[in-house]
Amino acid sequence: MQLPYSEELNIGQLSRIFDNTTKCYKFLWFYAIVQKSDNNHRSFTYDELVNEMIAFAWYMVTEYHLRLGPLGTTEGLEEVVMYIYDHYNFCSSEKRVKIIEFLQSTKDKKIIKYKKDLTRNVPYRLQAPFYDAVITGKKMDCSKIRLINEINCQKRLMYYFGTFSNLSTIIKVDEKWAEYLYKNKEILKGWTQLKLIHYLQNKNPSVPGIADKIEPPVERNIERVRKYWKLIIKKDPTIKDIYGDIVLNDVDISIDHFIPWQYVAHDELWNLHPTTKSINSSKSNSLPSWKKYFELLGELEYHAYVMRDQYEDIAHEFNKIAPYHLNNQDIRNLLYVKGLNKNDFIERLEHVIRPVYESAQTLGFKEWVYER
């Protein structure tokens, strides 16, 4: 992705700000600057920008369990998000503005320490491509006052520093850069997200749908699938929910993602089945016990597979939803080819689902069993 050209600014240097990135801080620090830049504001405190970083990381960590740093390392951004999540009763879908308001007013010493730690290097390292002389790691560890003075002597930087004062330290974006950031805000946010996606894919190699896990979940339309299952239940009123053994004929059904949407980030038919709204709410984004529920899921999915061949209207409905909810042709050929017996179908379904299930389990999604 090519950044917008400028006759006055060195965009080549800007394009290299994410080079040699080992942690995610640079992406979120720059994103925060772009997010807050406008025609009237180009001075920001460390505290303002770190609050934006934490709010931006919130969904990735609490909702999707993404790892933000190298395997086996302690990642401060993940830690502060989970500390707040565990101690202050925020939900994973909390509004960004509520998180920001909390961070602005909190007196929690542990959170303040986390915030200070997050600003230890990234404000200074982000602009390394702009420096006339490379500021070495040794210099980066020197007194912040001395470091800021050295950086402020550089020319043509994106931003400069005010007097060092911990989280009250101010950065001031250069006037021409501020105009560029504001004018191209959406492009620069998209570029940063794209770079972040590539980074996160490297740190979370077994996680699907990274691109859909950068921002808060959007409303999903699975009404087609609900209509499909309602038709099947109408044809066979004895069909039961796999978790509570509840007959679904007279129930306003809800569609459950067997492996949580928060992990798979898709609405593929093979992972969807009917349940009650209360059970779906109870399950939330947990993993149903494999030993207890997978065979029941397989039998239910196979029953729907058989009924598709028995009833023309079910087959018609299946063909209507397939373009939206069967996007992998290999899986479609594997699971929905005609002539499978029950054992073959369930074995193939397990071949599709089990690796994804185990990967979600490894990432920290908790096992769930329905309790009446």
Protein backbone atom coordinates (compact mmCIF):
# COMPACT_ATOMS: atom_id res chain seq x y z
CA MET A 1 0.00 0.00 0.00
CA GLN A 2 1.50 3.32 -1.12
CA LEU A 3 1.20 6.33 1.16
CA PRO A 4 -0.08 9.67 -0.23
CA TYR A 5 2.69 11.77 -1.78
CA SER A 6 3.80 15.15 -0.42
CA GLU A 7 6.13 17.66 -2.05
CA GLU A 8 7.12 19.09 1.34
CA LEU A 9 7.53 15.97 3.50
CA ASN A 10 9.70 12.87 3.29
CA ILE A 11 7.09 10.14 2.94
CA GLY A 12 9.80 7.55 2.35
CA GLN A 13 10.95 8.02 5.94
CA LEU A 14 7.36 7.75 7.17
CA SER A 15 6.93 4.46 5.30
CA ARG A 16 9.79 2.94 7.35
CA ILE A 17 8.58 3.77 10.85
CA PHE A 18 7.46 0.17 11.44
CA ASP A 19 10.73 -1.41 10.34
CA ASN A 20 12.41 -3.65 12.93
CA THR A 21 9.27 -3.92 15.05
CA THR A 22 9.39 -6.57 17.80
CA LYS A 23 6.38 -5.37 19.80
CA CYS A 24 3.11 -3.77 18.78
CA TYR A 25 3.69 -0.43 20.53
CA LYS A 26 4.80 1.49 17.43
CA PHE A 27 1.60 0.64 15.53
CA LEU A 28 -0.65 1.75 18.36
CA TRP A 29 1.36 4.86 19.27
CA PHE A 30 1.29 6.12 15.68
CA TYR A 31 -2.38 5.15 15.31
CA ALA A 32 -3.16 7.19 18.44
CA ILE A 33 -1.38 10.24 17.01
CA VAL A 34 -3.28 9.96 13.72
CA GLN A 35 -6.57 9.35 15.54
CA LYS A 36 -6.21 12.49 17.65
CA SER A 37 -4.76 14.81 15.01
CA ASP A 38 -7.04 17.43 13.51
CA ASN A 39 -6.93 21.05 12.38
CA ASN A 40 -7.13 22.33 15.95
CA HIS A 41 -5.01 19.85 17.91
CA ARG A 42 -1.43 18.80 17.36
CA SER A 43 -0.09 18.68 20.94
CA PHE A 44 -0.71 15.57 23.03
CA THR A 45 0.47 14.25 26.36
CA TYR A 46 1.97 10.80 26.76
CA ASP A 47 -1.04 9.99 28.92
CA GLU A 48 -3.54 10.85 26.17
CA LEU A 49 -1.75 8.69 23.63
CA VAL A 50 -1.23 5.72 25.97
CA ASN A 51 -4.93 5.81 26.87
CA GLU A 52 -5.72 5.53 23.15
CA MET A 53 -3.29 2.61 22.83
CA ILE A 54 -4.95 0.70 25.67
CA ALA A 55 -8.44 1.38 24.32
CA PHE A 56 -7.38 0.25 20.84
CA ALA A 57 -5.90 -2.97 22.21
CA TRP A 58 -8.91 -3.69 24.41
CA TYR A 59 -10.96 -5.80 21.99
CA MET A 60 -7.97 -7.62 20.57
CA VAL A 61 -6.98 -8.84 24.04
CA THR A 62 -10.26 -9.30 25.95
CA GLU A 63 -12.55 -10.37 23.12
CA TYR A 64 -10.17 -12.22 20.83
CA HIS A 65 -7.29 -13.31 23.11
CA LEU A 66 -4.68 -12.12 20.59
CA ARG A 67 -1.03 -12.19 21.61
CA LEU A 68 0.52 -8.77 21.04
CA GLY A 69 4.17 -9.65 21.55
CA PRO A 70 6.66 -12.45 20.90
CA LEU A 71 5.90 -15.90 22.32
CA GLY A 72 7.24 -16.38 25.83
CA THR A 73 7.65 -12.68 26.60
CA THR A 74 5.75 -10.46 29.00
CA GLU A 75 3.67 -7.97 27.03
CA GLY A 76 2.85 -4.86 29.07
CA LEU A 77 -0.05 -3.77 26.91
CA GLU A 78 -1.77 -7.15 27.26
CA GLU A 79 -1.10 -7.10 31.01
CA VAL A 80 -2.63 -3.69 31.67
CA VAL A 81 -5.70 -4.52 29.55
CA MET A 82 -6.27 -7.79 31.43
CA TYR A 83 -5.58 -6.14 34.79
CA ILE A 84 -8.32 -3.57 34.13
CA TYR A 85 -10.64 -6.25 32.71
CA ASP A 86 -10.19 -8.50 35.76
CA HIS A 87 -10.35 -5.82 38.47
CA TYR A 88 -12.81 -3.18 37.25
CA ASN A 89 -15.77 -5.15 35.89
CA PHE A 90 -15.59 -3.87 32.31
CA CYS A 91 -16.99 -6.19 29.64
CA SER A 92 -15.04 -7.16 26.54
CA SER A 93 -17.47 -5.15 24.39
CA GLU A 94 -17.08 -1.98 26.47
CA LYS A 95 -17.34 1.27 24.55
CA ARG A 96 -14.03 2.93 23.76
CA VAL A 97 -15.16 6.21 25.30
CA LYS A 98 -15.86 4.49 28.65
CA ILE A 99 -12.39 2.94 28.71
CA ILE A 100 -10.79 6.30 27.90
CA GLU A 101 -12.81 8.06 30.64
CA PHE A 102 -11.71 5.45 33.16
CA LEU A 103 -8.05 5.73 32.17
CA GLN A 104 -8.16 9.53 32.42
CA SER A 105 -9.44 9.47 35.98
CA THR A 106 -7.95 6.34 37.55
CA LYS A 107 -5.62 6.69 40.53
CA ASP A 108 -4.67 3.00 40.49
CA LYS A 109 -0.90 3.00 41.00
CA LYS A 110 -0.44 -0.26 39.13
CA ILE A 111 -2.19 1.08 36.03
CA ILE A 112 -0.14 4.29 36.19
CA LYS A 113 3.04 2.23 36.36
CA TYR A 114 1.94 0.18 33.35
CA LYS A 115 1.27 3.40 31.45
CA LYS A 116 4.70 4.79 32.28
CA ASP A 117 6.34 1.54 31.16
CA LEU A 118 4.53 1.74 27.82
CA THR A 119 6.18 5.11 27.12
CA ARG A 120 9.70 3.99 27.98
CA ASN A 121 10.90 3.65 24.37
CA VAL A 122 8.20 3.97 21.72
CA PRO A 123 7.88 7.80 21.65
CA TYR A 124 11.58 8.03 20.77
CA ARG A 125 12.08 4.92 18.63
CA LEU A 126 9.13 5.49 16.30
CA GLN A 127 10.90 8.32 14.49
CA ALA A 128 14.24 6.53 14.04
CA PRO A 129 13.99 6.71 10.19
CA PHE A 130 13.82 10.52 10.47
CA TYR A 131 16.94 11.01 12.54
CA ASP A 132 20.03 12.43 10.85
CA ALA A 133 22.18 10.24 13.10
CA VAL A 134 21.03 6.87 14.38
CA ILE A 135 20.20 7.02 18.06
CA THR A 136 21.65 3.80 19.40
CA GLY A 137 20.16 1.53 22.01
CA LYS A 138 22.72 2.84 24.45
CA LYS A 139 21.56 6.40 23.95
CA MET A 140 17.94 5.25 24.14
CA ASP A 141 18.60 4.07 27.69
CA CYS A 142 20.17 7.34 28.80
CA SER A 143 18.41 10.10 30.72
CA LYS A 144 15.12 10.99 29.05
CA ILE A 145 15.88 14.70 29.37
CA ARG A 146 19.18 14.23 27.55
CA LEU A 147 17.54 11.99 24.94
CA ILE A 148 14.75 14.49 24.28
CA ASN A 149 17.26 17.30 23.89
CA GLU A 150 19.22 15.26 21.33
CA ILE A 151 16.09 14.35 19.38
CA ASN A 152 14.79 17.92 19.40
CA CYS A 153 17.99 19.00 17.66
CA GLN A 154 17.10 16.82 14.67
CA LYS A 155 15.46 18.42 11.62
CA ARG A 156 12.25 17.55 9.77
CA LEU A 157 10.83 15.27 12.44
CA MET A 158 7.17 14.37 12.59
CA TYR A 159 6.92 15.57 16.18
CA TYR A 160 9.06 17.14 18.90
CA PHE A 161 9.06 16.90 22.69
CA GLY A 162 8.25 19.30 25.47
CA THR A 163 9.92 19.15 28.88
CA PHE A 164 10.03 15.59 30.17
CA SER A 165 7.43 15.09 32.91
CA ASN A 166 6.53 11.39 32.91
CA LEU A 167 2.96 10.89 31.59
CA SER A 168 2.48 14.67 31.37
CA THR A 169 5.27 14.96 28.76
CA ILE A 170 3.94 16.65 25.63
CA ILE A 171 4.69 15.83 22.02
CA LYS A 172 3.96 18.52 19.46
CA VAL A 173 3.36 17.42 15.88
CA ASP A 174 5.07 19.55 13.25
CA GLU A 175 2.56 21.85 11.56
CA LYS A 176 3.08 20.44 8.06
CA TRP A 177 2.98 16.88 9.34
CA ALA A 178 -0.19 17.64 11.31
CA GLU A 179 -1.84 18.86 8.12
CA TYR A 180 -0.71 15.73 6.26
CA LEU A 181 -1.92 13.38 9.02
CA TYR A 182 -5.31 15.05 9.21
CA LYS A 183 -5.81 15.26 5.45
CA ASN A 184 -4.94 11.57 4.98
CA LYS A 185 -6.29 10.28 8.29
CA GLU A 186 -8.36 7.36 6.99
CA ILE A 187 -5.65 6.20 4.58
CA LEU A 188 -3.00 6.32 7.32
CA LYS A 189 -5.25 4.47 9.77
CA GLY A 190 -5.87 1.79 7.16
CA TRP A 191 -2.14 1.56 6.39
CA THR A 192 -1.32 1.19 10.08
CA GLN A 193 -3.98 -1.48 10.53
CA LEU A 194 -2.64 -3.40 7.53
CA LYS A 195 0.87 -3.34 9.01
CA LEU A 196 -0.54 -4.39 12.38
CA ILE A 197 -2.44 -7.28 10.78
CA HIS A 198 0.77 -8.61 9.22
CA TYR A 199 2.51 -8.29 12.58
CA LEU A 200 -0.30 -10.05 14.47
CA GLN A 201 -0.50 -12.87 11.92
CA ASN A 202 3.16 -13.54 12.61
CA LYS A 203 2.62 -13.55 16.39
CA ASN A 204 -0.64 -15.56 16.21
CA PRO A 205 -0.01 -18.02 13.34
CA SER A 206 -2.84 -20.41 14.21
CA VAL A 207 -5.54 -17.74 14.65
CA PRO A 208 -7.98 -17.24 11.76
CA GLY A 209 -9.56 -13.96 10.73
CA ILE A 210 -6.97 -11.56 12.18
CA ALA A 211 -8.20 -8.77 9.91
CA ASP A 212 -11.65 -9.01 11.53
CA LYS A 213 -10.22 -8.79 15.06
CA ILE A 214 -8.52 -5.39 14.95
CA GLU A 215 -11.62 -3.38 15.77
CA PRO A 216 -14.78 -4.03 17.81
CA PRO A 217 -17.10 -6.70 16.41
CA VAL A 218 -19.65 -5.49 13.93
CA GLU A 219 -23.24 -6.65 13.74
CA ARG A 220 -23.45 -9.95 11.92
CA ASN A 221 -26.36 -11.06 9.76
CA ILE A 222 -27.09 -14.73 10.33
CA GLU A 223 -30.84 -14.40 9.88
CA ARG A 224 -30.54 -16.51 6.69
CA VAL A 225 -29.13 -19.38 8.75
CA ARG A 226 -31.85 -18.99 11.38
CA LYS A 227 -34.50 -19.17 8.66
CA TYR A 228 -32.81 -22.29 7.26
CA TRP A 229 -32.83 -24.06 10.64
CA LYS A 230 -36.40 -22.97 11.38
CA LEU A 231 -37.49 -24.69 8.18
CA ILE A 232 -35.64 -27.87 9.16
CA ILE A 233 -37.22 -27.81 12.64
CA LYS A 234 -40.65 -27.27 11.12
CA LYS A 235 -40.15 -30.39 9.01
CA ASP A 236 -38.93 -32.35 12.03
CA PRO A 237 -40.47 -30.98 15.27
CA THR A 238 -38.51 -33.51 17.37
CA ILE A 239 -35.14 -31.78 16.81
CA LYS A 240 -33.44 -30.88 20.09
CA ASP A 241 -30.79 -28.44 21.23
CA ILE A 242 -27.43 -30.21 21.69
CA TYR A 243 -26.63 -28.55 25.04
CA GLY A 244 -29.85 -28.77 27.04
CA ASP A 245 -31.74 -31.53 25.21
CA ILE A 246 -34.60 -29.06 24.69
CA VAL A 247 -37.12 -29.58 21.88
CA LEU A 248 -36.84 -26.55 19.62
CA ASN A 249 -40.16 -26.69 17.78
CA ASP A 250 -41.92 -24.08 19.92
CA VAL A 251 -38.80 -22.07 20.76
CA ASP A 252 -37.68 -18.74 19.30
CA ILE A 253 -34.32 -20.20 18.30
CA SER A 254 -30.92 -18.52 18.44
CA ILE A 255 -28.00 -19.51 16.20
CA ASP A 256 -24.88 -20.55 18.09
CA HIS A 257 -21.29 -20.61 16.85
CA PHE A 258 -19.99 -23.93 18.22
CA ILE A 259 -16.46 -22.49 18.16
CA PRO A 260 -17.01 -18.87 19.25
CA TRP A 261 -17.24 -16.18 16.61
CA GLN A 262 -14.73 -14.25 18.72
CA TYR A 263 -12.17 -16.80 17.56
CA VAL A 264 -13.23 -17.88 14.06
CA ALA A 265 -14.54 -14.46 12.96
CA HIS A 266 -16.82 -16.04 10.35
CA ASP A 267 -20.36 -17.38 9.99
CA GLU A 268 -19.67 -20.64 8.15
CA LEU A 269 -22.59 -23.09 8.15
CA TRP A 270 -20.64 -26.05 9.51
CA ASN A 271 -19.99 -24.14 12.77
CA LEU A 272 -23.60 -22.96 13.24
CA HIS A 273 -26.53 -24.75 14.88
CA PRO A 274 -29.79 -23.83 16.64
CA THR A 275 -30.17 -23.44 20.38
CA THR A 276 -32.26 -21.37 22.79
CA LYS A 277 -31.48 -17.73 23.45
CA SER A 278 -30.84 -18.33 27.15
CA ILE A 279 -28.40 -21.16 26.46
CA ASN A 280 -26.61 -19.12 23.80
CA SER A 281 -26.30 -16.26 26.26
CA SER A 282 -24.98 -18.61 28.95
CA LYS A 283 -22.38 -20.07 26.60
CA SER A 284 -21.22 -16.62 25.49
CA ASN A 285 -17.74 -16.88 23.91
CA SER A 286 -16.76 -20.13 25.63
CA LEU A 287 -15.81 -23.44 24.01
CA PRO A 288 -18.39 -26.19 24.55
CA SER A 289 -16.93 -29.38 26.00
CA TRP A 290 -15.68 -31.44 23.07
CA LYS A 291 -16.31 -34.80 24.74
CA LYS A 292 -19.81 -33.88 25.79
CA TYR A 293 -21.11 -32.04 22.73
CA PHE A 294 -19.21 -32.74 19.50
CA GLU A 295 -20.95 -36.04 18.71
CA LEU A 296 -24.32 -34.36 19.32
CA LEU A 297 -23.33 -31.52 16.99
CA GLY A 298 -22.23 -34.02 14.34
CA GLU A 299 -25.52 -35.93 14.55
CA LEU A 300 -27.55 -32.72 14.29
CA GLU A 301 -25.54 -31.44 11.32
CA TYR A 302 -25.84 -34.83 9.61
CA HIS A 303 -29.59 -34.82 10.17
CA ALA A 304 -29.80 -31.47 8.38
CA TYR A 305 -27.56 -32.87 5.62
CA VAL A 306 -29.95 -35.82 5.09
CA MET A 307 -33.06 -33.62 5.16
CA ARG A 308 -31.60 -31.45 2.43
CA ASP A 309 -31.85 -34.44 0.09
CA GLN A 310 -35.31 -35.39 1.33
CA TYR A 311 -37.03 -32.02 0.98
CA GLU A 312 -36.86 -29.78 -2.05
CA ASP A 313 -37.62 -26.59 -0.08
CA ILE A 314 -34.76 -27.29 2.35
CA ALA A 315 -32.42 -27.88 -0.59
CA HIS A 316 -33.61 -24.60 -2.10
CA GLU A 317 -32.97 -22.74 1.15
CA PHE A 318 -29.52 -24.37 1.46
CA ASN A 319 -28.58 -23.18 -2.03
CA LYS A 320 -29.72 -19.65 -1.13
CA ILE A 321 -27.52 -19.40 1.97
CA ALA A 322 -24.49 -21.29 0.63
CA PRO A 323 -22.95 -18.25 -1.16
CA TYR A 324 -22.96 -16.38 2.17
CA HIS A 325 -22.16 -19.15 4.65
CA LEU A 326 -20.05 -21.68 2.76
CA ASN A 327 -17.09 -19.69 1.50
CA ASN A 328 -14.48 -22.45 1.45
CA GLN A 329 -14.99 -24.62 -1.61
CA ASP A 330 -12.79 -27.42 -0.25
CA ILE A 331 -14.91 -27.70 2.90
CA ARG A 332 -18.09 -27.50 0.85
CA ASN A 333 -16.89 -30.39 -1.31
CA LEU A 334 -15.79 -32.34 1.76
CA LEU A 335 -18.90 -31.97 3.89
CA TYR A 336 -21.81 -31.41 1.53
CA VAL A 337 -21.12 -33.83 -1.29
CA LYS A 338 -23.99 -36.27 -1.76
CA GLY A 339 -23.96 -39.86 -0.53
CA LEU A 340 -22.18 -39.64 2.84
CA ASN A 341 -23.23 -41.96 5.65
CA LYS A 342 -23.37 -40.67 9.23
CA ASN A 343 -19.95 -41.94 10.28
CA ASP A 344 -18.25 -40.47 7.22
CA PHE A 345 -19.99 -37.12 7.66
CA ILE A 346 -19.13 -36.81 11.37
CA GLU A 347 -15.54 -37.88 10.71
CA ARG A 348 -15.20 -35.21 8.01
CA LEU A 349 -16.81 -32.60 10.25
CA GLU A 350 -14.32 -33.45 12.99
CA HIS A 351 -11.50 -33.09 10.45
CA VAL A 352 -12.71 -29.53 9.78
CA ILE A 353 -13.61 -28.40 13.30
CA ARG A 354 -11.17 -30.10 15.66
CA PRO A 355 -7.95 -28.24 14.63
CA VAL A 356 -9.78 -24.91 14.94
CA TYR A 357 -11.24 -25.94 18.31
CA GLU A 358 -7.85 -26.99 19.70
CA SER A 359 -6.23 -23.79 18.47
CA ALA A 360 -8.90 -21.72 20.26
CA GLN A 361 -8.34 -23.82 23.36
CA THR A 362 -4.60 -23.15 23.24
CA LEU A 363 -5.27 -19.44 22.96
CA GLY A 364 -7.22 -19.41 26.22
CA PHE A 365 -10.90 -19.83 25.34
CA LYS A 366 -12.43 -21.59 28.34
CA GLU A 367 -14.36 -24.86 28.23
CA TRP A 368 -18.07 -24.67 28.98
CA VAL A 369 -20.75 -27.14 30.04
CA TYR A 370 -24.40 -26.18 30.22
CA GLU A 371 -25.95 -26.17 33.69
CA ARG A 372 -29.69 -25.92 33.93
